[in-house]
Structure formats: C-alpha cells, structure tokens
PDB file of N, CA and C in Angstrom:
ATOM      1  N   MET A   1      29.308  16.208  -3.547  1.00  0.00           N
ATOM      2  CA  MET A   1      29.437  14.784  -3.317  1.00  0.00           C
ATOM      3  C   MET A   1      28.525  14.033  -4.291  1.00  0.00           C
ATOM      4  N   ALA A   2      29.080  13.182  -5.087  1.00  0.00           N
ATOM      5  CA  ALA A   2      28.324  12.402  -6.058  1.00  0.00           C
ATOM      6  C   ALA A   2      27.636  11.227  -5.357  1.00  0.00           C
ATOM      7  N   THR A   3      26.446  10.886  -5.853  1.00  0.00           N
ATOM      8  CA  THR A   3      25.696   9.758  -5.314  1.00  0.00           C
ATOM      9  C   THR A   3      25.736   8.632  -6.328  1.00  0.00           C
ATOM     10  N   ASP A   4      26.099   7.462  -5.861  1.00  0.00           N
ATOM     11  CA  ASP A   4      26.140   6.290  -6.730  1.00  0.00           C
ATOM     12  C   ASP A   4      24.701   5.811  -6.957  1.00  0.00           C
ATOM     13  N   PRO A   5      24.218   5.830  -8.206  1.00  0.00           N
ATOM     14  CA  PRO A   5      22.842   5.421  -8.482  1.00  0.00           C
ATOM     15  C   PRO A   5      22.563   3.973  -8.070  1.00  0.00           C
ATOM     16  N   ARG A   6      23.592   3.131  -8.093  1.00  0.00           N
ATOM     17  CA  ARG A   6      23.381   1.731  -7.704  1.00  0.00           C
ATOM     18  C   ARG A   6      23.040   1.613  -6.226  1.00  0.00           C
ATOM     19  N   ILE A   7      23.674   2.454  -5.413  1.00  0.00           N
ATOM     20  CA  ILE A   7      23.358   2.450  -3.983  1.00  0.00           C
ATOM     21  C   ILE A   7      21.937   2.966  -3.774  1.00  0.00           C
ATOM     22  N   LEU A   8      21.608   4.039  -4.468  1.00  0.00           N
ATOM     23  CA  LEU A   8      20.259   4.591  -4.379  1.00  0.00           C
ATOM     24  C   LEU A   8      19.220   3.564  -4.827  1.00  0.00           C
ATOM     25  N   LEU A   9      19.474   2.885  -5.919  1.00  0.00           N
ATOM     26  CA  LEU A   9      18.545   1.868  -6.412  1.00  0.00           C
ATOM     27  C   LEU A   9      18.383   0.722  -5.419  1.00  0.00           C
ATOM     28  N   ALA A  10      19.462   0.305  -4.815  1.00  0.00           N
ATOM     29  CA  ALA A  10      19.382  -0.774  -3.823  1.00  0.00           C
ATOM     30  C   ALA A  10      18.515  -0.350  -2.639  1.00  0.00           C
ATOM     31  N   GLU A  11      18.695   0.869  -2.181  1.00  0.00           N
ATOM     32  CA  GLU A  11      17.904   1.377  -1.060  1.00  0.00           C
ATOM     33  C   GLU A  11      16.430   1.539  -1.461  1.00  0.00           C
ATOM     34  N   LEU A  12      16.194   2.061  -2.646  1.00  0.00           N
ATOM     35  CA  LEU A  12      14.825   2.217  -3.120  1.00  0.00           C
ATOM     36  C   LEU A  12      14.146   0.864  -3.318  1.00  0.00           C
ATOM     37  N   ASP A  13      14.893  -0.113  -3.804  1.00  0.00           N
ATOM     38  CA  ASP A  13      14.339  -1.451  -3.984  1.00  0.00           C
ATOM     39  C   ASP A  13      13.945  -2.057  -2.643  1.00  0.00           C
ATOM     40  N   GLU A  14      14.783  -1.875  -1.642  1.00  0.00           N
ATOM     41  CA  GLU A  14      14.462  -2.364  -0.297  1.00  0.00           C
ATOM     42  C   GLU A  14      13.214  -1.665   0.236  1.00  0.00           C
ATOM     43  N   TYR A  15      13.130  -0.355   0.022  1.00  0.00           N
ATOM     44  CA  TYR A  15      11.971   0.414   0.455  1.00  0.00           C
ATOM     45  C   TYR A  15      10.702  -0.079  -0.241  1.00  0.00           C
ATOM     46  N   ALA A  16      10.768  -0.274  -1.553  1.00  0.00           N
ATOM     47  CA  ALA A  16       9.609  -0.751  -2.313  1.00  0.00           C
ATOM     48  C   ALA A  16       9.193  -2.142  -1.845  1.00  0.00           C
ATOM     49  N   SER A  17      10.154  -3.001  -1.590  1.00  0.00           N
ATOM     50  CA  SER A  17       9.843  -4.350  -1.100  1.00  0.00           C
ATOM     51  C   SER A  17       9.182  -4.299   0.275  1.00  0.00           C
ATOM     52  N   THR A  18       9.661  -3.413   1.114  1.00  0.00           N
ATOM     53  CA  THR A  18       9.063  -3.240   2.441  1.00  0.00           C
ATOM     54  C   THR A  18       7.630  -2.742   2.314  1.00  0.00           C
ATOM     55  N   LEU A  19       7.401  -1.790   1.419  1.00  0.00           N
ATOM     56  CA  LEU A  19       6.039  -1.304   1.185  1.00  0.00           C
ATOM     57  C   LEU A  19       5.127  -2.431   0.694  1.00  0.00           C
ATOM     58  N   GLU A  20       5.627  -3.240  -0.220  1.00  0.00           N
ATOM     59  CA  GLU A  20       4.825  -4.349  -0.739  1.00  0.00           C
ATOM     60  C   GLU A  20       4.452  -5.313   0.381  1.00  0.00           C
ATOM     61  N   ARG A  21       5.416  -5.659   1.227  1.00  0.00           N
ATOM     62  CA  ARG A  21       5.131  -6.553   2.363  1.00  0.00           C
ATOM     63  C   ARG A  21       4.114  -5.908   3.307  1.00  0.00           C
ATOM     64  N   HIS A  22       4.263  -4.611   3.535  1.00  0.00           N
ATOM     65  CA  HIS A  22       3.343  -3.877   4.397  1.00  0.00           C
ATOM     66  C   HIS A  22       1.915  -3.968   3.861  1.00  0.00           C
ATOM     67  N   PHE A  23       1.737  -3.740   2.569  1.00  0.00           N
ATOM     68  CA  PHE A  23       0.397  -3.789   1.989  1.00  0.00           C
ATOM     69  C   PHE A  23      -0.181  -5.198   2.005  1.00  0.00           C
ATOM     70  N   VAL A  24       0.643  -6.207   1.788  1.00  0.00           N
ATOM     71  CA  VAL A  24       0.158  -7.594   1.850  1.00  0.00           C
ATOM     72  C   VAL A  24      -0.315  -7.906   3.267  1.00  0.00           C
ATOM     73  N   GLU A  25       0.480  -7.531   4.253  1.00  0.00           N
ATOM     74  CA  GLU A  25       0.117  -7.774   5.655  1.00  0.00           C
ATOM     75  C   GLU A  25      -1.180  -7.038   6.011  1.00  0.00           C
ATOM     76  N   LEU A  26      -1.284  -5.788   5.593  1.00  0.00           N
ATOM     77  CA  LEU A  26      -2.505  -5.026   5.881  1.00  0.00           C
ATOM     78  C   LEU A  26      -3.725  -5.645   5.209  1.00  0.00           C
ATOM     79  N   ARG A  27      -3.575  -6.090   3.972  1.00  0.00           N
ATOM     80  CA  ARG A  27      -4.702  -6.724   3.274  1.00  0.00           C
ATOM     81  C   ARG A  27      -5.141  -7.997   3.997  1.00  0.00           C
ATOM     82  N   ASP A  28      -4.149  -8.793   4.418  1.00  0.00           N
ATOM     83  CA  ASP A  28      -4.465 -10.039   5.124  1.00  0.00           C
ATOM     84  C   ASP A  28      -5.206  -9.757   6.431  1.00  0.00           C
ATOM     85  N   ARG A  29      -4.697  -8.819   7.206  1.00  0.00           N
ATOM     86  CA  ARG A  29      -5.339  -8.486   8.487  1.00  0.00           C
ATOM     87  C   ARG A  29      -6.710  -7.857   8.269  1.00  0.00           C
ATOM     88  N   HIS A  30      -6.823  -7.051   7.234  1.00  0.00           N
ATOM     89  CA  HIS A  30      -8.104  -6.432   6.924  1.00  0.00           C
ATOM     90  C   HIS A  30      -9.134  -7.491   6.558  1.00  0.00           C
ATOM     91  N   ALA A  31      -8.728  -8.495   5.804  1.00  0.00           N
ATOM     92  CA  ALA A  31      -9.655  -9.561   5.410  1.00  0.00           C
ATOM     93  C   ALA A  31     -10.180 -10.297   6.643  1.00  0.00           C
ATOM     94  N   VAL A  32      -9.306 -10.575   7.593  1.00  0.00           N
ATOM     95  CA  VAL A  32      -9.728 -11.247   8.829  1.00  0.00           C
ATOM     96  C   VAL A  32     -10.708 -10.356   9.597  1.00  0.00           C
ATOM     97  N   LEU A  33     -10.373  -9.087   9.728  1.00  0.00           N
ATOM     98  CA  LEU A  33     -11.244  -8.148  10.442  1.00  0.00           C
ATOM     99  C   LEU A  33     -12.604  -8.040   9.760  1.00  0.00           C
ATOM    100  N   ARG A  34     -12.578  -7.924   8.465  1.00  0.00           N
ATOM    101  CA  ARG A  34     -13.828  -7.788   7.705  1.00  0.00           C
ATOM    102  C   ARG A  34     -14.682  -9.050   7.837  1.00  0.00           C
ATOM    103  N   ASP A  35     -14.062 -10.215   7.705  1.00  0.00           N
ATOM    104  CA  ASP A  35     -14.808 -11.478   7.847  1.00  0.00           C
ATOM    105  C   ASP A  35     -15.421 -11.596   9.244  1.00  0.00           C
ATOM    106  N   THR A  36     -14.652 -11.193  10.246  1.00  0.00           N
ATOM    107  CA  THR A  36     -15.144 -11.243  11.623  1.00  0.00           C
ATOM    108  C   THR A  36     -16.315 -10.287  11.804  1.00  0.00           C
ATOM    109  N   TRP A  37     -16.183  -9.084  11.263  1.00  0.00           N
ATOM    110  CA  TRP A  37     -17.283  -8.127  11.377  1.00  0.00           C
ATOM    111  C   TRP A  37     -18.532  -8.634  10.674  1.00  0.00           C
ATOM    112  N   PHE A  38     -18.387  -9.167   9.475  1.00  0.00           N
ATOM    113  CA  PHE A  38     -19.561  -9.643   8.744  1.00  0.00           C
ATOM    114  C   PHE A  38     -20.258 -10.783   9.496  1.00  0.00           C
ATOM    115  N   ALA A  39     -19.474 -11.671  10.082  1.00  0.00           N
ATOM    116  CA  ALA A  39     -20.062 -12.763  10.869  1.00  0.00           C
ATOM    117  C   ALA A  39     -20.773 -12.212  12.100  1.00  0.00           C
ATOM    118  N   THR A  40     -20.172 -11.236  12.750  1.00  0.00           N
ATOM    119  CA  THR A  40     -20.767 -10.642  13.940  1.00  0.00           C
ATOM    120  C   THR A  40     -22.000  -9.826  13.589  1.00  0.00           C
ATOM    121  N   SER A  41     -21.952  -9.119  12.475  1.00  0.00           N
ATOM    122  CA  SER A  41     -23.062  -8.236  12.106  1.00  0.00           C
ATOM    123  C   SER A  41     -24.356  -9.002  11.847  1.00  0.00           C
ATOM    124  N   GLU A  42     -24.246 -10.277  11.560  1.00  0.00           N
ATOM    125  CA  GLU A  42     -25.451 -11.075  11.319  1.00  0.00           C
ATOM    126  C   GLU A  42     -26.248 -11.318  12.595  1.00  0.00           C
ATOM    127  N   VAL A  43     -25.564 -11.255  13.739  1.00  0.00           N
ATOM    128  CA  VAL A  43     -26.263 -11.510  15.002  1.00  0.00           C
ATOM    129  C   VAL A  43     -26.336 -10.276  15.899  1.00  0.00           C
ATOM    130  N   TYR A  44     -25.526  -9.274  15.629  1.00  0.00           N
ATOM    131  CA  TYR A  44     -25.480  -8.054  16.431  1.00  0.00           C
ATOM    132  C   TYR A  44     -26.583  -7.123  15.950  1.00  0.00           C
ATOM    133  N   GLN A  45     -27.514  -6.773  16.823  1.00  0.00           N
ATOM    134  CA  GLN A  45     -28.682  -5.990  16.441  1.00  0.00           C
ATOM    135  C   GLN A  45     -28.814  -4.755  17.330  1.00  0.00           C
ATOM    136  N   GLY A  46     -29.641  -3.832  16.905  1.00  0.00           N
ATOM    137  CA  GLY A  46     -29.966  -2.675  17.717  1.00  0.00           C
ATOM    138  C   GLY A  46     -29.244  -1.426  17.264  1.00  0.00           C
ATOM    139  N   THR A  47     -29.449  -0.363  18.031  1.00  0.00           N
ATOM    140  CA  THR A  47     -28.871   0.937  17.702  1.00  0.00           C
ATOM    141  C   THR A  47     -27.351   0.886  17.720  1.00  0.00           C
ATOM    142  N   GLY A  48     -26.783   0.225  18.694  1.00  0.00           N
ATOM    143  CA  GLY A  48     -25.325   0.095  18.778  1.00  0.00           C
ATOM    144  C   GLY A  48     -24.750  -0.587  17.551  1.00  0.00           C
ATOM    145  N   ALA A  49     -25.457  -1.592  17.092  1.00  0.00           N
ATOM    146  CA  ALA A  49     -25.005  -2.309  15.895  1.00  0.00           C
ATOM    147  C   ALA A  49     -25.052  -1.403  14.674  1.00  0.00           C
ATOM    148  N   GLU A  50     -26.105  -0.601  14.576  1.00  0.00           N
ATOM    149  CA  GLU A  50     -26.229   0.312  13.432  1.00  0.00           C
ATOM    150  C   GLU A  50     -25.139   1.377  13.445  1.00  0.00           C
ATOM    151  N   VAL A  51     -24.872   1.925  14.629  1.00  0.00           N
ATOM    152  CA  VAL A  51     -23.826   2.949  14.756  1.00  0.00           C
ATOM    153  C   VAL A  51     -22.469   2.342  14.409  1.00  0.00           C
ATOM    154  N   PHE A  52     -22.203   1.148  14.935  1.00  0.00           N
ATOM    155  CA  PHE A  52     -20.925   0.503  14.646  1.00  0.00           C
ATOM    156  C   PHE A  52     -20.810   0.161  13.168  1.00  0.00           C
ATOM    157  N   ALA A  53     -21.891  -0.320  12.574  1.00  0.00           N
ATOM    158  CA  ALA A  53     -21.866  -0.676  11.147  1.00  0.00           C
ATOM    159  C   ALA A  53     -21.537   0.547  10.297  1.00  0.00           C
ATOM    160  N   ASP A  54     -22.137   1.677  10.625  1.00  0.00           N
ATOM    161  CA  ASP A  54     -21.838   2.908   9.877  1.00  0.00           C
ATOM    162  C   ASP A  54     -20.375   3.305  10.045  1.00  0.00           C
ATOM    163  N   ALA A  55     -19.890   3.259  11.280  1.00  0.00           N
ATOM    164  CA  ALA A  55     -18.491   3.623  11.550  1.00  0.00           C
ATOM    165  C   ALA A  55     -17.543   2.657  10.850  1.00  0.00           C
ATOM    166  N   PHE A  56     -17.878   1.375  10.873  1.00  0.00           N
ATOM    167  CA  PHE A  56     -17.027   0.379  10.218  1.00  0.00           C
ATOM    168  C   PHE A  56     -17.001   0.619   8.713  1.00  0.00           C
ATOM    169  N   ALA A  57     -18.149   0.924   8.136  1.00  0.00           N
ATOM    170  CA  ALA A  57     -18.212   1.161   6.689  1.00  0.00           C
ATOM    171  C   ALA A  57     -17.352   2.360   6.295  1.00  0.00           C
ATOM    172  N   ARG A  58     -17.407   3.431   7.087  1.00  0.00           N
ATOM    173  CA  ARG A  58     -16.580   4.610   6.782  1.00  0.00           C
ATOM    174  C   ARG A  58     -15.095   4.292   6.924  1.00  0.00           C
ATOM    175  N   ALA A  59     -14.739   3.610   8.011  1.00  0.00           N
ATOM    176  CA  ALA A  59     -13.332   3.252   8.228  1.00  0.00           C
ATOM    177  C   ALA A  59     -12.850   2.298   7.136  1.00  0.00           C
ATOM    178  N   ASP A  60     -13.702   1.362   6.765  1.00  0.00           N
ATOM    179  CA  ASP A  60     -13.361   0.405   5.714  1.00  0.00           C
ATOM    180  C   ASP A  60     -13.096   1.117   4.392  1.00  0.00           C
ATOM    181  N   ALA A  61     -13.929   2.075   4.058  1.00  0.00           N
ATOM    182  CA  ALA A  61     -13.747   2.833   2.810  1.00  0.00           C
ATOM    183  C   ALA A  61     -12.450   3.632   2.846  1.00  0.00           C
ATOM    184  N   ARG A  62     -12.153   4.265   3.971  1.00  0.00           N
ATOM    185  CA  ARG A  62     -10.900   5.029   4.085  1.00  0.00           C
ATOM    186  C   ARG A  62      -9.691   4.105   3.999  1.00  0.00           C
ATOM    187  N   PHE A  63      -9.791   2.940   4.612  1.00  0.00           N
ATOM    188  CA  PHE A  63      -8.689   1.991   4.574  1.00  0.00           C
ATOM    189  C   PHE A  63      -8.443   1.491   3.155  1.00  0.00           C
ATOM    190  N   LEU A  64      -9.505   1.155   2.464  1.00  0.00           N
ATOM    191  CA  LEU A  64      -9.352   0.690   1.078  1.00  0.00           C
ATOM    192  C   LEU A  64      -8.778   1.794   0.198  1.00  0.00           C
ATOM    193  N   ASP A  65      -9.151   3.038   0.462  1.00  0.00           N
ATOM    194  CA  ASP A  65      -8.576   4.167  -0.262  1.00  0.00           C
ATOM    195  C   ASP A  65      -7.082   4.277   0.026  1.00  0.00           C
ATOM    196  N   TYR A  66      -6.705   4.087   1.290  1.00  0.00           N
ATOM    197  CA  TYR A  66      -5.284   4.100   1.669  1.00  0.00           C
ATOM    198  C   TYR A  66      -4.514   3.034   0.895  1.00  0.00           C
ATOM    199  N   LEU A  67      -5.055   1.825   0.833  1.00  0.00           N
ATOM    200  CA  LEU A  67      -4.382   0.752   0.104  1.00  0.00           C
ATOM    201  C   LEU A  67      -4.281   1.075  -1.381  1.00  0.00           C
ATOM    202  N   ASP A  68      -5.341   1.607  -1.944  1.00  0.00           N
ATOM    203  CA  ASP A  68      -5.338   1.958  -3.363  1.00  0.00           C
ATOM    204  C   ASP A  68      -4.290   3.028  -3.659  1.00  0.00           C
ATOM    205  N   ARG A  69      -4.264   4.065  -2.858  1.00  0.00           N
ATOM    206  CA  ARG A  69      -3.281   5.138  -3.068  1.00  0.00           C
ATOM    207  C   ARG A  69      -1.855   4.622  -2.857  1.00  0.00           C
ATOM    208  N   GLY A  70      -1.692   3.764  -1.888  1.00  0.00           N
ATOM    209  CA  GLY A  70      -0.367   3.192  -1.648  1.00  0.00           C
ATOM    210  C   GLY A  70       0.111   2.375  -2.839  1.00  0.00           C
ATOM    211  N   GLN A  71      -0.786   1.616  -3.427  1.00  0.00           N
ATOM    212  CA  GLN A  71      -0.419   0.833  -4.609  1.00  0.00           C
ATOM    213  C   GLN A  71      -0.045   1.742  -5.772  1.00  0.00           C
ATOM    214  N   ARG A  72      -0.768   2.841  -5.928  1.00  0.00           N
ATOM    215  CA  ARG A  72      -0.440   3.775  -7.009  1.00  0.00           C
ATOM    216  C   ARG A  72       0.933   4.412  -6.781  1.00  0.00           C
ATOM    217  N   ILE A  73       1.225   4.740  -5.540  1.00  0.00           N
ATOM    218  CA  ILE A  73       2.544   5.292  -5.212  1.00  0.00           C
ATOM    219  C   ILE A  73       3.627   4.263  -5.511  1.00  0.00           C
ATOM    220  N   LEU A  74       3.365   3.020  -5.172  1.00  0.00           N
ATOM    221  CA  LEU A  74       4.337   1.956  -5.430  1.00  0.00           C
ATOM    222  C   LEU A  74       4.598   1.785  -6.922  1.00  0.00           C
ATOM    223  N   VAL A  75       3.571   1.886  -7.746  1.00  0.00           N
ATOM    224  CA  VAL A  75       3.739   1.802  -9.203  1.00  0.00           C
ATOM    225  C   VAL A  75       4.610   2.954  -9.695  1.00  0.00           C
ATOM    226  N   ILE A  76       4.347   4.151  -9.188  1.00  0.00           N
ATOM    227  CA  ILE A  76       5.155   5.313  -9.583  1.00  0.00           C
ATOM    228  C   ILE A  76       6.599   5.120  -9.138  1.00  0.00           C
ATOM    229  N   LEU A  77       6.792   4.650  -7.918  1.00  0.00           N
ATOM    230  CA  LEU A  77       8.146   4.415  -7.411  1.00  0.00           C
ATOM    231  C   LEU A  77       8.893   3.416  -8.288  1.00  0.00           C
ATOM    232  N   ARG A  78       8.243   2.302  -8.611  1.00  0.00           N
ATOM    233  CA  ARG A  78       8.888   1.291  -9.469  1.00  0.00           C
ATOM    234  C   ARG A  78       9.218   1.872 -10.845  1.00  0.00           C
ATOM    235  N   ASP A  79       8.334   2.691 -11.386  1.00  0.00           N
ATOM    236  CA  ASP A  79       8.578   3.332 -12.678  1.00  0.00           C
ATOM    237  C   ASP A  79       9.798   4.253 -12.610  1.00  0.00           C
ATOM    238  N   LYS A  80       9.870   5.059 -11.572  1.00  0.00           N
ATOM    239  CA  LYS A  80      11.011   5.977 -11.419  1.00  0.00           C
ATOM    240  C   LYS A  80      12.300   5.201 -11.187  1.00  0.00           C
ATOM    241  N   MET A  81      12.212   4.086 -10.502  1.00  0.00           N
ATOM    242  CA  MET A  81      13.398   3.254 -10.311  1.00  0.00           C
ATOM    243  C   MET A  81      13.887   2.705 -11.654  1.00  0.00           C
ATOM    244  N   GLU A  82      12.944   2.309 -12.493  1.00  0.00           N
ATOM    245  CA  GLU A  82      13.325   1.808 -13.818  1.00  0.00           C
ATOM    246  C   GLU A  82      13.967   2.917 -14.645  1.00  0.00           C
ATOM    247  N   GLN A  83      13.446   4.118 -14.538  1.00  0.00           N
ATOM    248  CA  GLN A  83      14.059   5.249 -15.237  1.00  0.00           C
ATOM    249  C   GLN A  83      15.482   5.483 -14.736  1.00  0.00           C
ATOM    250  N   LEU A  84      15.683   5.362 -13.438  1.00  0.00           N
ATOM    251  CA  LEU A  84      17.019   5.528 -12.878  1.00  0.00           C
ATOM    252  C   LEU A  84      17.953   4.422 -13.357  1.00  0.00           C
ATOM    253  N   ARG A  85      17.444   3.201 -13.454  1.00  0.00           N
ATOM    254  CA  ARG A  85      18.260   2.096 -13.988  1.00  0.00           C
ATOM    255  C   ARG A  85      18.693   2.390 -15.420  1.00  0.00           C
ATOM    256  N   LEU A  86      17.740   2.869 -16.214  1.00  0.00           N
ATOM    257  CA  LEU A  86      18.065   3.206 -17.605  1.00  0.00           C
ATOM    258  C   LEU A  86      19.095   4.324 -17.673  1.00  0.00           C
ATOM    259  N   PHE A  87      18.928   5.310 -16.831  1.00  0.00           N
ATOM    260  CA  PHE A  87      19.877   6.427 -16.782  1.00  0.00           C
ATOM    261  C   PHE A  87      21.266   5.931 -16.378  1.00  0.00           C
ATOM    262  N   ASP A  88      21.305   5.048 -15.374  1.00  0.00           N
ATOM    263  CA  ASP A  88      22.585   4.539 -14.890  1.00  0.00           C
ATOM    264  C   ASP A  88      23.263   3.665 -15.927  1.00  0.00           C
ATOM    265  N   SER A  89      22.478   2.962 -16.755  1.00  0.00           N
ATOM    266  CA  SER A  89      23.075   2.050 -17.734  1.00  0.00           C
ATOM    267  C   SER A  89      23.416   2.752 -19.056  1.00  0.00           C
ATOM    268  N   SER A  90      23.001   4.006 -19.177  1.00  0.00           N
ATOM    269  CA  SER A  90      23.278   4.726 -20.424  1.00  0.00           C
ATOM    270  C   SER A  90      24.319   5.819 -20.182  1.00  0.00           C
ATOM    271  N   ASP A  91      24.460   6.660 -21.149  1.00  0.00           N
ATOM    272  CA  ASP A  91      25.417   7.774 -21.021  1.00  0.00           C
ATOM    273  C   ASP A  91      24.779   8.979 -20.357  1.00  0.00           C
ATOM    274  N   GLY A  92      23.563   8.767 -19.816  1.00  0.00           N
ATOM    275  CA  GLY A  92      22.856   9.856 -19.158  1.00  0.00           C
ATOM    276  C   GLY A  92      21.847  10.531 -20.046  1.00  0.00           C
ATOM    277  N   SER A  93      21.673  10.039 -21.255  1.00  0.00           N
ATOM    278  CA  SER A  93      20.749  10.690 -22.182  1.00  0.00           C
ATOM    279  C   SER A  93      19.335  10.136 -22.059  1.00  0.00           C
ATOM    280  N   ALA A  94      19.075   9.284 -21.088  1.00  0.00           N
ATOM    281  CA  ALA A  94      17.745   8.706 -20.934  1.00  0.00           C
ATOM    282  C   ALA A  94      16.725   9.731 -20.458  1.00  0.00           C
ATOM    283  N   PHE A  95      17.196  10.848 -19.933  1.00  0.00           N
ATOM    284  CA  PHE A  95      16.268  11.862 -19.423  1.00  0.00           C
ATOM    285  C   PHE A  95      16.222  13.049 -20.329  1.00  0.00           C
TER     286      PHE A  95
END
C-alpha cells in the first residue's frame, strides 16, 4: 500500500503545530509558577523553605531541559518534513 506524502506531511504539520502550542503553553505556565515561587521565596523562611527551594531548583532544571530537548526534536521534525517536501516535489532523487 503506497502512502501519499502529502497526507503524511499534513499530519506531521498538524503534529508539529500541536507541539509548538504545547511548548508555548508550558513556557507561559512555567513563567507564572516561577514568578510566584520567587515572590514567595522572599518571605518563606526556615528548613521547609530550604528543602522546597532545592526541590524547586531541581524540578525547574529538569523542566527547562525537557523544553530544550523538545525544541531540538521540533527542529529535527521540521527539517525532515522539508526533506519530505523536496522528495515529493522532485523525481525522488532528493535522497
């Protein structure tokens, strides 16, 4: 069964757009959370505050790594989609 590259590209484009919206939403929510934590951390003191600050810093670093890796995956996906477009528009010699 042959696969129409145009259908595949349309589906991949929708997927990439969904990923982009997902990352924008996560960045926005993360900014609110981070701003709230920073405001709270100025008045929150004691051992509990120190433990939470350490946990927040670790979670924050992992989250930022997730966003960074996701963006790199999105760049690769867009690149492969462009290669597929070139392949579909040529005689197949693009690869």
